[in-house]
Amino acid sequence: MGVKILRVNKMQAKWKSKLGKILQSSGYLNNPHNKKSFDRAGTTWANKVELWSEKYNMFILPFVTTLREGLEAIALIGGIGINENTTAIALVNSAVLAVVIGSLIGVALYKYGNTMSLKVFLITSTCFLYLVAAGLFSKGVWNFELQRFIDQCGGMDVSETGHGPGSYDIAVSVWHVNCCNGELQDDGVFWMLFTAILGWTNSATIGSVVSYNVYWVVVIAVFWALIHEEKHGFLPVIPISWQLKRIEKRKNLYQPLDAPEIGVLEEVRDSMDSLNSQTPLQQS
């Protein structure tokens, strides 16, 4: 997903080409009968629902996404209230603070979205996404190693012992500090957030450190391969014979539309880049 987000500017030409081929081959926009059929489309209940969903689809998608995240937040806060020794006022404060922060971010994006550089926004959000994913991957490996140490200790939850000897496995330890533990409330909210978002741990193991670095090596290798493909037309290391279909697809993707290809006797229109929501779909 991060690769797709970072390549959104390059994929504009791809989307434009595909949409152009579909519209031109269908001939829908140049058929006057389609306007009459569109006017009669709202006669049945199913057609009314379809037209309504098409009209408000840019509202429905964010609304459903926000609703899903809101329900997930409610389930998370409920789980914390049941499992943690937390007062009701603390849960209310955290929920209100989350709503305020989320609202401020939403208003900022809505207000400054037209002037904000899309490229900078996508790069920043994708880099943050990769940092979160790297922390999750490393933390997952760390939890496996912690569970193995717990099994060796007879099932005792060693994380409850706090810091110091007995709380970690010295055989696989890379570093350990007797503070900054994101698993304990006593060490502060900052370290808990740092652990939850970026996967920080005060007691790193060999597996967690190696997995964190392997993750970034894989990400770097993927981007290096894609850059090589942009310059030379094929992926490195992989045999060319395995890439023939991919190469042919890339070659045909940006071919210009012409009348014999689309099968209609109409003039092929040149596309224009969209500047804002008022940009016409076709050049006049």
C-alpha atoms as a PDB file:
ATOM      1  CA  MET A   1       0.000   0.000   0.000  1.00  0.00           C
ATOM      2  CA  GLY A   2       2.842   2.366   0.764  1.00  0.00           C
ATOM      3  CA  VAL A   3       4.339   1.790  -2.673  1.00  0.00           C
ATOM      4  CA  LYS A   4       1.009   2.604  -4.325  1.00  0.00           C
ATOM      5  CA  ILE A   5       0.640   5.779  -2.262  1.00  0.00           C
ATOM      6  CA  LEU A   6       4.133   7.010  -3.111  1.00  0.00           C
ATOM      7  CA  ARG A   7       3.632   6.259  -6.802  1.00  0.00           C
ATOM      8  CA  VAL A   8       0.257   8.001  -7.041  1.00  0.00           C
ATOM      9  CA  ASN A   9       1.625  10.759  -9.290  1.00  0.00           C
ATOM     10  CA  LYS A  10       3.062   8.238 -11.738  1.00  0.00           C
ATOM     11  CA  MET A  11      -0.104   6.168 -11.601  1.00  0.00           C
ATOM     12  CA  GLN A  12      -2.198   9.150 -12.719  1.00  0.00           C
ATOM     13  CA  ALA A  13      -1.208   8.459 -16.309  1.00  0.00           C
ATOM     14  CA  LYS A  14      -2.079   4.787 -15.837  1.00  0.00           C
ATOM     15  CA  TRP A  15      -5.553   5.555 -14.483  1.00  0.00           C
ATOM     16  CA  LYS A  16      -6.126   8.150 -17.188  1.00  0.00           C
ATOM     17  CA  SER A  17      -5.179   5.685 -19.923  1.00  0.00           C
ATOM     18  CA  LYS A  18      -7.395   2.896 -18.560  1.00  0.00           C
ATOM     19  CA  LEU A  19     -10.397   5.152 -18.023  1.00  0.00           C
ATOM     20  CA  GLY A  20      -9.926   6.668 -21.466  1.00  0.00           C
ATOM     21  CA  LYS A  21      -9.882   3.256 -23.146  1.00  0.00           C
ATOM     22  CA  ILE A  22     -13.020   2.170 -21.285  1.00  0.00           C
ATOM     23  CA  LEU A  23     -14.949   5.333 -22.124  1.00  0.00           C
ATOM     24  CA  GLN A  24     -13.816   5.457 -25.736  1.00  0.00           C
ATOM     25  CA  SER A  25     -14.462   1.788 -26.419  1.00  0.00           C
ATOM     26  CA  SER A  26     -17.944   1.950 -24.896  1.00  0.00           C
ATOM     27  CA  GLY A  27     -18.957   5.053 -26.873  1.00  0.00           C
ATOM     28  CA  TYR A  28     -21.364   5.880 -24.052  1.00  0.00           C
ATOM     29  CA  LEU A  29     -20.607   9.597 -23.894  1.00  0.00           C
ATOM     30  CA  ASN A  30     -21.270  10.082 -27.605  1.00  0.00           C
ATOM     31  CA  ASN A  31     -24.556   8.191 -27.763  1.00  0.00           C
ATOM     32  CA  PRO A  32     -27.555  10.565 -27.390  1.00  0.00           C
ATOM     33  CA  HIS A  33     -29.820   7.646 -26.461  1.00  0.00           C
ATOM     34  CA  ASN A  34     -27.902   7.216 -23.179  1.00  0.00           C
ATOM     35  CA  LYS A  35     -29.111  10.565 -21.863  1.00  0.00           C
ATOM     36  CA  LYS A  36     -32.742   9.493 -22.260  1.00  0.00           C
ATOM     37  CA  SER A  37     -32.086   6.130 -20.646  1.00  0.00           C
ATOM     38  CA  PHE A  38     -30.301   7.903 -17.781  1.00  0.00           C
ATOM     39  CA  ASP A  39     -33.321  10.169 -17.251  1.00  0.00           C
ATOM     40  CA  ARG A  40     -35.599   7.121 -17.046  1.00  0.00           C
ATOM     41  CA  ALA A  41     -33.197   5.224 -14.761  1.00  0.00           C
ATOM     42  CA  GLY A  42     -34.832   6.439 -11.559  1.00  0.00           C
ATOM     43  CA  THR A  43     -38.159   4.725 -12.209  1.00  0.00           C
ATOM     44  CA  THR A  44     -37.403   1.575 -10.187  1.00  0.00           C
ATOM     45  CA  TRP A  45     -36.361   1.284  -6.550  1.00  0.00           C
ATOM     46  CA  ALA A  46     -33.116  -0.494  -7.412  1.00  0.00           C
ATOM     47  CA  ASN A  47     -32.155   2.197  -9.919  1.00  0.00           C
ATOM     48  CA  LYS A  48     -32.912   4.937  -7.411  1.00  0.00           C
ATOM     49  CA  VAL A  49     -30.628   3.300  -4.861  1.00  0.00           C
ATOM     50  CA  GLU A  50     -27.895   2.898  -7.484  1.00  0.00           C
ATOM     51  CA  LEU A  51     -28.135   6.532  -8.574  1.00  0.00           C
ATOM     52  CA  TRP A  52     -28.165   7.701  -4.963  1.00  0.00           C
ATOM     53  CA  SER A  53     -25.044   5.667  -4.143  1.00  0.00           C
ATOM     54  CA  GLU A  54     -23.265   7.000  -7.230  1.00  0.00           C
ATOM     55  CA  LYS A  55     -24.183  10.566  -6.314  1.00  0.00           C
ATOM     56  CA  TYR A  56     -23.021  10.339  -2.714  1.00  0.00           C
ATOM     57  CA  ASN A  57     -20.225   7.759  -2.989  1.00  0.00           C
ATOM     58  CA  MET A  58     -17.580  10.312  -2.000  1.00  0.00           C
ATOM     59  CA  PHE A  59     -19.537  10.848   1.231  1.00  0.00           C
ATOM     60  CA  ILE A  60     -20.391   7.189   1.898  1.00  0.00           C
ATOM     61  CA  LEU A  61     -16.777   5.951   1.783  1.00  0.00           C
ATOM     62  CA  PRO A  62     -15.370   8.407   4.394  1.00  0.00           C
ATOM     63  CA  PHE A  63     -18.510   7.998   6.521  1.00  0.00           C
ATOM     64  CA  VAL A  64     -18.235   4.192   6.639  1.00  0.00           C
ATOM     65  CA  THR A  65     -14.492   4.422   7.326  1.00  0.00           C
ATOM     66  CA  THR A  66     -15.034   6.904  10.171  1.00  0.00           C
ATOM     67  CA  LEU A  67     -17.869   4.788  11.585  1.00  0.00           C
ATOM     68  CA  ARG A  68     -15.709   1.664  11.534  1.00  0.00           C
ATOM     69  CA  GLU A  69     -12.817   3.429  13.264  1.00  0.00           C
ATOM     70  CA  GLY A  70     -15.220   4.890  15.827  1.00  0.00           C
ATOM     71  CA  LEU A  71     -16.642   1.474  16.679  1.00  0.00           C
ATOM     72  CA  GLU A  72     -13.115   0.125  16.945  1.00  0.00           C
ATOM     73  CA  ALA A  73     -12.205   2.953  19.337  1.00  0.00           C
ATOM     74  CA  ILE A  74     -15.260   2.187  21.487  1.00  0.00           C
ATOM     75  CA  ALA A  75     -14.305  -1.491  21.646  1.00  0.00           C
ATOM     76  CA  LEU A  76     -10.710  -0.547  22.547  1.00  0.00           C
ATOM     77  CA  ILE A  77     -11.757   1.848  25.321  1.00  0.00           C
ATOM     78  CA  GLY A  78     -14.226  -0.726  26.649  1.00  0.00           C
ATOM     79  CA  GLY A  79     -11.505  -3.370  26.717  1.00  0.00           C
ATOM     80  CA  ILE A  80      -9.159  -1.047  28.589  1.00  0.00           C
ATOM     81  CA  GLY A  81     -11.871  -0.243  31.121  1.00  0.00           C
ATOM     82  CA  ILE A  82     -12.474  -3.938  31.803  1.00  0.00           C
ATOM     83  CA  ASN A  83      -8.878  -5.161  31.904  1.00  0.00           C
ATOM     84  CA  GLU A  84      -7.036  -2.182  33.391  1.00  0.00           C
ATOM     85  CA  ASN A  85      -7.362  -0.516  36.773  1.00  0.00           C
ATOM     86  CA  THR A  86      -8.485   2.802  35.268  1.00  0.00           C
ATOM     87  CA  THR A  87     -10.999   5.306  36.604  1.00  0.00           C
ATOM     88  CA  ALA A  88     -14.052   6.334  34.603  1.00  0.00           C
ATOM     89  CA  ILE A  89     -12.946   9.960  34.418  1.00  0.00           C
ATOM     90  CA  ALA A  90      -9.662   8.888  32.814  1.00  0.00           C
ATOM     91  CA  LEU A  91     -11.527   6.996  30.090  1.00  0.00           C
ATOM     92  CA  VAL A  92     -13.839   9.956  29.472  1.00  0.00           C
ATOM     93  CA  ASN A  93     -10.880  12.343  29.265  1.00  0.00           C
ATOM     94  CA  SER A  94      -9.049  10.103  26.826  1.00  0.00           C
ATOM     95  CA  ALA A  95     -12.139   9.746  24.612  1.00  0.00           C
ATOM     96  CA  VAL A  96     -12.787  13.505  24.592  1.00  0.00           C
ATOM     97  CA  LEU A  97      -9.133  14.233  23.835  1.00  0.00           C
ATOM     98  CA  ALA A  98      -9.165  11.743  20.963  1.00  0.00           C
ATOM     99  CA  VAL A  99     -12.301  13.357  19.494  1.00  0.00           C
ATOM    100  CA  VAL A 100     -10.766  16.840  19.788  1.00  0.00           C
ATOM    101  CA  ILE A 101      -7.464  15.828  18.188  1.00  0.00           C
ATOM    102  CA  GLY A 102      -9.201  13.914  15.409  1.00  0.00           C
ATOM    103  CA  SER A 103     -11.534  16.838  14.731  1.00  0.00           C
ATOM    104  CA  LEU A 104      -8.635  19.305  14.583  1.00  0.00           C
ATOM    105  CA  ILE A 105      -6.769  17.099  12.108  1.00  0.00           C
ATOM    106  CA  GLY A 106      -9.901  16.676   9.981  1.00  0.00           C
ATOM    107  CA  VAL A 107     -10.616  20.427   9.945  1.00  0.00           C
ATOM    108  CA  ALA A 108      -6.993  21.170   9.061  1.00  0.00           C
ATOM    109  CA  LEU A 109      -7.050  18.714   6.156  1.00  0.00           C
ATOM    110  CA  TYR A 110     -10.391  20.076   4.943  1.00  0.00           C
ATOM    111  CA  LYS A 111      -9.369  23.727   5.233  1.00  0.00           C
ATOM    112  CA  TYR A 112      -5.830  23.492   3.874  1.00  0.00           C
ATOM    113  CA  GLY A 113      -6.298  20.497   1.586  1.00  0.00           C
ATOM    114  CA  ASN A 114      -6.409  22.630  -1.571  1.00  0.00           C
ATOM    115  CA  THR A 115      -3.166  24.442  -0.752  1.00  0.00           C
ATOM    116  CA  MET A 116      -1.285  21.549   0.825  1.00  0.00           C
ATOM    117  CA  SER A 117       1.190  19.751  -1.390  1.00  0.00           C
ATOM    118  CA  LEU A 118      -0.244  16.303  -2.088  1.00  0.00           C
ATOM    119  CA  LYS A 119       3.233  14.880  -2.679  1.00  0.00           C
ATOM    120  CA  VAL A 120       4.560  16.083   0.692  1.00  0.00           C
ATOM    121  CA  PHE A 121       1.442  14.827   2.492  1.00  0.00           C
ATOM    122  CA  LEU A 122       1.642  11.375   0.901  1.00  0.00           C
ATOM    123  CA  ILE A 123       5.379  11.017   1.553  1.00  0.00           C
ATOM    124  CA  THR A 124       4.990  12.070   5.201  1.00  0.00           C
ATOM    125  CA  SER A 125       2.029   9.786   5.876  1.00  0.00           C
ATOM    126  CA  THR A 126       3.660   6.835   4.101  1.00  0.00           C
ATOM    127  CA  CYS A 127       6.927   7.217   6.018  1.00  0.00           C
ATOM    128  CA  PHE A 128       4.921   7.252   9.241  1.00  0.00           C
ATOM    129  CA  LEU A 129       3.059   4.151   8.048  1.00  0.00           C
ATOM    130  CA  TYR A 130       6.349   2.336   7.420  1.00  0.00           C
ATOM    131  CA  LEU A 131       7.662   3.302  10.864  1.00  0.00           C
ATOM    132  CA  VAL A 132       4.527   1.908  12.501  1.00  0.00           C
ATOM    133  CA  ALA A 133       4.735  -1.290  10.438  1.00  0.00           C
ATOM    134  CA  ALA A 134       8.411  -1.767  11.323  1.00  0.00           C
ATOM    135  CA  GLY A 135       7.594  -1.383  15.011  1.00  0.00           C
ATOM    136  CA  LEU A 136       4.719  -3.855  14.785  1.00  0.00           C
ATOM    137  CA  PHE A 137       6.894  -6.431  13.028  1.00  0.00           C
ATOM    138  CA  SER A 138       9.713  -6.059  15.550  1.00  0.00           C
ATOM    139  CA  LYS A 139       7.307  -6.071  18.482  1.00  0.00           C
ATOM    140  CA  GLY A 140       5.679  -9.249  17.190  1.00  0.00           C
ATOM    141  CA  VAL A 141       9.017 -11.068  17.168  1.00  0.00           C
ATOM    142  CA  TRP A 142       9.775  -9.651  20.620  1.00  0.00           C
ATOM    143  CA  ASN A 143       6.482 -11.043  21.973  1.00  0.00           C
ATOM    144  CA  PHE A 144       7.307 -14.509  20.634  1.00  0.00           C
ATOM    145  CA  GLU A 145      10.649 -14.441  22.418  1.00  0.00           C
ATOM    146  CA  LEU A 146       9.021 -13.112  25.587  1.00  0.00           C
ATOM    147  CA  GLN A 147       6.519 -15.957  25.524  1.00  0.00           C
ATOM    148  CA  ARG A 148       9.330 -18.485  25.199  1.00  0.00           C
ATOM    149  CA  PHE A 149      11.027 -16.950  28.259  1.00  0.00           C
ATOM    150  CA  ILE A 150       7.725 -17.047  30.168  1.00  0.00           C
ATOM    151  CA  ASP A 151       7.360 -20.749  29.339  1.00  0.00           C
ATOM    152  CA  GLN A 152      10.889 -21.349  30.629  1.00  0.00           C
ATOM    153  CA  CYS A 153       9.928 -19.577  33.869  1.00  0.00           C
ATOM    154  CA  GLY A 154       6.979 -21.897  34.439  1.00  0.00           C
ATOM    155  CA  GLY A 155       4.313 -19.614  33.015  1.00  0.00           C
ATOM    156  CA  MET A 156       4.965 -16.626  35.306  1.00  0.00           C
ATOM    157  CA  ASP A 157       4.252 -13.236  33.707  1.00  0.00           C
ATOM    158  CA  VAL A 158       7.753 -11.787  34.015  1.00  0.00           C
ATOM    159  CA  SER A 159       6.618  -8.403  32.711  1.00  0.00           C
ATOM    160  CA  GLU A 160       4.903  -7.810  36.067  1.00  0.00           C
ATOM    161  CA  THR A 161       8.243  -7.972  37.871  1.00  0.00           C
ATOM    162  CA  GLY A 162       9.210  -4.573  36.440  1.00  0.00           C
ATOM    163  CA  HIS A 163      12.853  -3.969  35.555  1.00  0.00           C
ATOM    164  CA  GLY A 164      16.130  -5.573  36.346  1.00  0.00           C
ATOM    165  CA  PRO A 165      17.239  -9.198  36.781  1.00  0.00           C
ATOM    166  CA  GLY A 166      14.529 -11.784  36.278  1.00  0.00           C
ATOM    167  CA  SER A 167      12.378  -9.657  34.021  1.00  0.00           C
ATOM    168  CA  TYR A 168      14.190 -10.522  30.774  1.00  0.00           C
ATOM    169  CA  ASP A 169      16.207 -13.304  29.171  1.00  0.00           C
ATOM    170  CA  ILE A 170      19.902 -12.382  29.320  1.00  0.00           C
ATOM    171  CA  ALA A 171      20.740 -15.084  26.752  1.00  0.00           C
ATOM    172  CA  VAL A 172      19.116 -13.141  23.888  1.00  0.00           C
ATOM    173  CA  SER A 173      19.343  -9.603  25.284  1.00  0.00           C
ATOM    174  CA  VAL A 174      20.851  -6.805  23.176  1.00  0.00           C
ATOM    175  CA  TRP A 175      20.178  -3.987  25.632  1.00  0.00           C
ATOM    176  CA  HIS A 176      18.139  -3.458  28.775  1.00  0.00           C
ATOM    177  CA  VAL A 177      17.485  -0.252  30.714  1.00  0.00           C
ATOM    178  CA  ASN A 178      15.784  -0.110  34.086  1.00  0.00           C
ATOM    179  CA  CYS A 179      13.339   2.570  32.930  1.00  0.00           C
ATOM    180  CA  CYS A 180      11.316   3.661  29.883  1.00  0.00           C
ATOM    181  CA  ASN A 181       9.196   0.499  29.923  1.00  0.00           C
ATOM    182  CA  GLY A 182       6.132   0.959  27.733  1.00  0.00           C
ATOM    183  CA  GLU A 183       4.490  -2.094  29.309  1.00  0.00           C
ATOM    184  CA  LEU A 184       4.214  -0.418  32.735  1.00  0.00           C
ATOM    185  CA  GLN A 185       2.015   2.568  33.602  1.00  0.00           C
ATOM    186  CA  ASP A 186       4.467   3.756  36.254  1.00  0.00           C
ATOM    187  CA  ASP A 187       7.010   4.746  33.601  1.00  0.00           C
ATOM    188  CA  GLY A 188       4.677   7.285  32.015  1.00  0.00           C
ATOM    189  CA  VAL A 189       2.266   7.718  29.149  1.00  0.00           C
ATOM    190  CA  PHE A 190       4.977   8.822  26.716  1.00  0.00           C
ATOM    191  CA  TRP A 191       6.740   5.465  26.738  1.00  0.00           C
ATOM    192  CA  MET A 192       3.428   3.632  26.445  1.00  0.00           C
ATOM    193  CA  LEU A 193       2.587   5.640  23.301  1.00  0.00           C
ATOM    194  CA  PHE A 194       6.140   5.231  22.008  1.00  0.00           C
ATOM    195  CA  THR A 195       5.795   1.468  22.432  1.00  0.00           C
ATOM    196  CA  ALA A 196       2.315   1.254  20.922  1.00  0.00           C
ATOM    197  CA  ILE A 197       3.095   3.378  17.847  1.00  0.00           C
ATOM    198  CA  LEU A 198       6.755   2.701  17.034  1.00  0.00           C
ATOM    199  CA  GLY A 199       7.348  -0.610  18.812  1.00  0.00           C
ATOM    200  CA  TRP A 200       9.848   0.683  21.370  1.00  0.00           C
ATOM    201  CA  THR A 201      11.042  -1.671  24.099  1.00  0.00           C
ATOM    202  CA  ASN A 202      13.418  -1.083  26.988  1.00  0.00           C
ATOM    203  CA  SER A 203      14.591  -4.685  26.737  1.00  0.00           C
ATOM    204  CA  ALA A 204      15.563  -5.453  23.156  1.00  0.00           C
ATOM    205  CA  THR A 205      16.320  -8.986  22.044  1.00  0.00           C
ATOM    206  CA  ILE A 206      18.351 -10.363  19.165  1.00  0.00           C
ATOM    207  CA  GLY A 207      15.206 -11.336  17.273  1.00  0.00           C
ATOM    208  CA  SER A 208      13.527  -7.945  17.666  1.00  0.00           C
ATOM    209  CA  VAL A 209      16.596  -5.999  16.525  1.00  0.00           C
ATOM    210  CA  VAL A 210      17.343  -8.312  13.595  1.00  0.00           C
ATOM    211  CA  SER A 211      13.705  -8.341  12.456  1.00  0.00           C
ATOM    212  CA  TYR A 212      13.538  -4.536  12.599  1.00  0.00           C
ATOM    213  CA  ASN A 213      16.603  -4.225  10.366  1.00  0.00           C
ATOM    214  CA  VAL A 214      15.443  -6.997   8.027  1.00  0.00           C
ATOM    215  CA  TYR A 215      12.156  -5.151   7.544  1.00  0.00           C
ATOM    216  CA  TRP A 216      13.948  -2.001   6.379  1.00  0.00           C
ATOM    217  CA  VAL A 217      16.313  -3.993   4.162  1.00  0.00           C
ATOM    218  CA  VAL A 218      13.293  -5.544   2.419  1.00  0.00           C
ATOM    219  CA  VAL A 219      11.607  -2.135   1.988  1.00  0.00           C
ATOM    220  CA  ILE A 220      14.803  -0.610   0.563  1.00  0.00           C
ATOM    221  CA  ALA A 221      15.264  -3.569  -1.788  1.00  0.00           C
ATOM    222  CA  VAL A 222      11.696  -3.266  -3.091  1.00  0.00           C
ATOM    223  CA  PHE A 223      12.071   0.440  -3.841  1.00  0.00           C
ATOM    224  CA  TRP A 224      15.485  -0.104  -5.432  1.00  0.00           C
ATOM    225  CA  ALA A 225      13.982  -2.781  -7.688  1.00  0.00           C
ATOM    226  CA  LEU A 226      11.092  -0.487  -8.682  1.00  0.00           C
ATOM    227  CA  ILE A 227      13.490   2.377  -9.464  1.00  0.00           C
ATOM    228  CA  HIS A 228      15.567  -0.018 -11.595  1.00  0.00           C
ATOM    229  CA  GLU A 229      12.390  -1.054 -13.425  1.00  0.00           C
ATOM    230  CA  GLU A 230      11.466   2.581 -14.108  1.00  0.00           C
ATOM    231  CA  LYS A 231      14.899   3.245 -15.628  1.00  0.00           C
ATOM    232  CA  HIS A 232      15.554  -0.008 -17.510  1.00  0.00           C
ATOM    233  CA  GLY A 233      12.098  -1.529 -18.005  1.00  0.00           C
ATOM    234  CA  PHE A 234      12.627  -4.749 -16.056  1.00  0.00           C
ATOM    235  CA  LEU A 235      13.169  -5.885 -12.478  1.00  0.00           C
ATOM    236  CA  PRO A 236      16.703  -6.867 -11.426  1.00  0.00           C
ATOM    237  CA  VAL A 237      17.709 -10.386 -10.343  1.00  0.00           C
ATOM    238  CA  ILE A 238      14.440 -11.924 -11.589  1.00  0.00           C
ATOM    239  CA  PRO A 239      14.881 -13.682 -14.977  1.00  0.00           C
ATOM    240  CA  ILE A 240      13.545 -11.725 -17.932  1.00  0.00           C
ATOM    241  CA  SER A 241      11.549 -14.729 -19.119  1.00  0.00           C
ATOM    242  CA  TRP A 242       9.466 -14.514 -15.949  1.00  0.00           C
ATOM    243  CA  GLN A 243       8.719 -10.834 -16.567  1.00  0.00           C
ATOM    244  CA  LEU A 244       7.570 -10.923 -20.187  1.00  0.00           C
ATOM    245  CA  LYS A 245       3.897 -10.508 -19.333  1.00  0.00           C
ATOM    246  CA  ARG A 246       4.674  -7.631 -16.938  1.00  0.00           C
ATOM    247  CA  ILE A 247       6.907  -5.916 -19.498  1.00  0.00           C
ATOM    248  CA  GLU A 248       4.292  -6.293 -22.244  1.00  0.00           C
ATOM    249  CA  LYS A 249       1.608  -4.896 -19.957  1.00  0.00           C
ATOM    250  CA  ARG A 250       3.710  -1.833 -19.133  1.00  0.00           C
ATOM    251  CA  LYS A 251       4.480  -1.358 -22.816  1.00  0.00           C
ATOM    252  CA  ASN A 252       0.844  -1.437 -23.921  1.00  0.00           C
ATOM    253  CA  LEU A 253      -0.465   0.599 -21.014  1.00  0.00           C
ATOM    254  CA  TYR A 254       0.628   3.986 -22.290  1.00  0.00           C
ATOM    255  CA  GLN A 255      -0.148   3.434 -25.954  1.00  0.00           C
ATOM    256  CA  PRO A 256      -2.184   6.362 -27.338  1.00  0.00           C
ATOM    257  CA  LEU A 257      -5.790   5.744 -28.280  1.00  0.00           C
ATOM    258  CA  ASP A 258      -6.693   5.742 -31.953  1.00  0.00           C
ATOM    259  CA  ALA A 259      -9.881   5.160 -33.914  1.00  0.00           C
ATOM    260  CA  PRO A 260      -9.130   1.616 -35.168  1.00  0.00           C
ATOM    261  CA  GLU A 261      -8.352   0.523 -31.644  1.00  0.00           C
ATOM    262  CA  ILE A 262     -11.549   1.847 -30.097  1.00  0.00           C
ATOM    263  CA  GLY A 263     -13.762   0.836 -33.014  1.00  0.00           C
ATOM    264  CA  VAL A 264     -15.645   4.123 -33.418  1.00  0.00           C
ATOM    265  CA  LEU A 265     -15.486   6.945 -35.941  1.00  0.00           C
ATOM    266  CA  GLU A 266     -15.004   9.761 -33.460  1.00  0.00           C
ATOM    267  CA  GLU A 267     -12.166  12.135 -32.866  1.00  0.00           C
ATOM    268  CA  VAL A 268      -9.888  11.108 -30.031  1.00  0.00           C
ATOM    269  CA  ARG A 269      -9.826  13.881 -27.449  1.00  0.00           C
ATOM    270  CA  ASP A 270      -6.688  14.966 -25.662  1.00  0.00           C
ATOM    271  CA  SER A 271      -6.802  14.689 -21.907  1.00  0.00           C
ATOM    272  CA  MET A 272      -6.080  17.548 -19.541  1.00  0.00           C
ATOM    273  CA  ASP A 273      -4.833  17.467 -15.971  1.00  0.00           C
ATOM    274  CA  SER A 274      -7.342  18.226 -13.235  1.00  0.00           C
ATOM    275  CA  LEU A 275      -6.499  21.379 -11.313  1.00  0.00           C
ATOM    276  CA  ASN A 276      -9.505  21.359  -8.992  1.00  0.00           C
ATOM    277  CA  SER A 277     -13.071  20.125  -8.749  1.00  0.00           C
ATOM    278  CA  GLN A 278     -14.207  22.672 -11.394  1.00  0.00           C
ATOM    279  CA  THR A 279     -11.944  21.303 -14.144  1.00  0.00           C
ATOM    280  CA  PRO A 280     -14.113  19.977 -17.030  1.00  0.00           C
ATOM    281  CA  LEU A 281     -13.845  16.323 -17.963  1.00  0.00           C
ATOM    282  CA  GLN A 282     -13.247  17.172 -21.622  1.00  0.00           C
ATOM    283  CA  GLN A 283     -11.446  19.990 -23.323  1.00  0.00           C
ATOM    284  CA  SER A 284     -13.738  22.344 -25.158  1.00  0.00           C
END
